Amino acid sequence: MDTIADVNLPQIELSSSPLSSLEADVVIIGVTPGDDGLSIGDPSVSNEDREWLLGQARALGMKAKSDEVRTVVAPEQWTASTIVLVGLSEVSPEASAVRYAAGAAVRGAGQKERIAVSLPGEGPLHVAAALEGALLGGYRFQGAKAVSDDQKEWTSLIIRGALDSTEKARAIATAESVYWVRDRVNTPPNELFPQSFAEIVQSVTKSLPIEVEVFDEKALTKGGFGGLLGVGGGSSRPPRLIALRYTPKNPTAHVALVGKGITFDSGGLSIKPAASMVGMKYDMTGAATVAGAIIAAAKIGSPVQITAWMCLAENMPSGTALRPNDVIRIHGGKSVEVLNTDAEGRLVLADGLQAASAEHPDLIVDVATLTGAARIALGERYAGLMGHEAARELLETSASNQGELVWPMPLPEELRGGLNSDVADIANVATGSPLGGMLVAGLFLKEFVGTQHDSDELIPWAHLDIAGPASNSSGAYGHTPKGPTGALVRTLIELVVDVAPEGLPLSKQ
């Protein structure tokens, strides 16, 4: 079975040696704006080599812009045979820009065995960003494809700069979790289904301070988890709910993460067109994302108690599948009229939100590839962010710190009436109107957020619709590959390691 150790990272070394002497096949060097148009920031480069490199950059038309990557043959006296020049648009770039450039350059370097990286910024934040970005950009997934003779295993990564062991471990743990999420999303659905996903999670957390509880179909029936049972009822592979619990000594707060895990989405009886079904293995990204976040947080040592709920089901058509007009009962008792079986993610998340709410955490964040409307509205780089204002602000801060893109969206009360049902407490879609699909989905989820302990106030809650950024259908950019991206994993790690300890509970603000 899969373990986090099986994530294929190269051997990592931090070095202060001159670039020309680093034992690498390719050396990556940052090019920034300068007095004469361009500048090379690494002080270990001799004046003669610096002028030569700048001359090469000018001859290749570099403007020191993002995603500018140029390859040149290294001078004879260098150990490396190749130099990759990568553009950064600021003389003193933010750490997120360094992370982005490192990823773009490693991708541009191709499949090399030994890669060295030197980018602007000597502080630990920038060095860690260079390490993290290089790892993210170098992600490779072989899958079931045959290995060709010219493919090289990435064995060594050298980063110019210094980090203490804690800083280095955090960067590696973060990259490992992003890799792990990308690997899970890349896995074909005949191999990754609720039970196999549960087994992978149990294996990967075995050596970590994480307790795992798996609710099988019998436990789900006993607990009244009608959303998971209904959505998974059409498949021969039954649903699972997984609770991952990390509890440090004297936790500062409790954060619950809830992830949508539809391991394949055919649409059910409201079946998708054939072309729209391709890629629907990625509908479990939310569940993988919350698992990746808690795995990294446990390795790093977050001071926050974290519970991650993975809501896993396969949405298939059959004689036992949900029908339009069926009424199901969500964990906690609220009834839902199912008008569209292809709006299934919100049903499994409703169970997860109710389970999370029963423990009265200080914050609930759900993550889901929920609506096509989010992709239409925001494209493939921004996640839609909804929920309570204070909770949204915590997520915005976390995303900004990591250079990830979220966009706050409203939850207009005037759209709530479209979810009224004649036979149940709520319908799962608003029939007759295509307006505000992303927002209507958020309004539905809000109905299943519980109240705070000894209070009628709702638990602070944020909803991330990652349908756009979870999978990149266009060309790779920065440290983001084509295909599964692992988007928002880093944001959630930032939330539970750095932002939540200071920002929670919200009542103390």
Foldseek 3Di string as FASTA:
>chain_A
DDALVPLADADEAEDQAQQQEDQFQEEEWEWEQDPVQIFTPDPSQDPVVRVVVVVVCVVVPDRQDFLDWDKDQDPPSGNHGIYIYFHHYHPADDLLSLLLRLLSHLLVVPQTQEYEYEYDDADLSNQLSNVLSNLLSNQDDCAPPDDDPPHDRHHYYYYHYDDPPLSNQLSVLLSSLLSQLQRQLPDALVQDAAVNVLVNLCRHCVPFQKDKDKQWPVNCVVQQAFLQCQQQQADPGGWMKMKIKHADPPALFEEEEEEQAACAQQQEPLGDPPVVRPSRSNFHSQLSLQSSLVSSCRSSPFSHIYIYIRTGHHGYYDPRHDDQQDWGAHRVGFIEHERTSSQSRLSSRLNVQLVVQVVQTLEYEYEGLGDPVQCVVPNQQEKEKEFDPLNSVLLVVLCVSNVGHYDYDYQDPVCQVLQDDPPGRTYSARPPDPPPRVNNSVVSNVVSFACHPPDRHGRGYMYINNNRNQAACDCAGRSAHHGGGSPCSSSSNCSRRPRCSVCPSVVVD
